[in-house]
Amino acid sequence: MALMQWEPSESLATLQREVNRVLASFFDGSPLRFGESITAPAVEVADTKDTVVVKAQVPGVSQEQIQVTVSEGMITIKGERKAEEKHEEKNYLHREFHYGAFTRTVPLPAGVQAEKATAQLKDGMLEVTIPKSAEARVQEIPIRV
């Protein structure tokens, strides 16, 4: 077994990066990967030519249990995943379902028209479509030769 010299600066740098990652995940609302105990839904934000499309996975959540707001360059999805109503005697061997209220806020690109946003829920997937303003739309400029 070979002896290796300990470099405290490397260990501290690694620790600092990990602490920064955890704190950033906590403050921006994104789920932490090491515990997976966060109830907030996973989110995708796609930027198309004319719209911004936000998709969120919300299985087991009904339309009445979700609230979507778009303001000040942010979209916020609030909801609650309720537990089963039946309280039978069960002996769980493994349990990963998460219940309770959640809030997820994600930044949006500049130039979206919040007042024209539309949302639909289908098969546990929430899809919010937000049109871009005319100024924010990508326009191709032809090159003359």
Foldseek 3Di string as FASTA:
>chain_A
DDDDDDDVVVVVVVVVVVVVVVVVCVVQVHDDDPPLQAPFWDWDWDDDQWKIKIKTQAPQFDPVFWDWADDDQKIKIKGWRADDPDDDDDDDPDDDDHTTIGMHMDGHDPFWDRVPKDWDDDNRMIMIITTGDPVPGDDDDDDDD
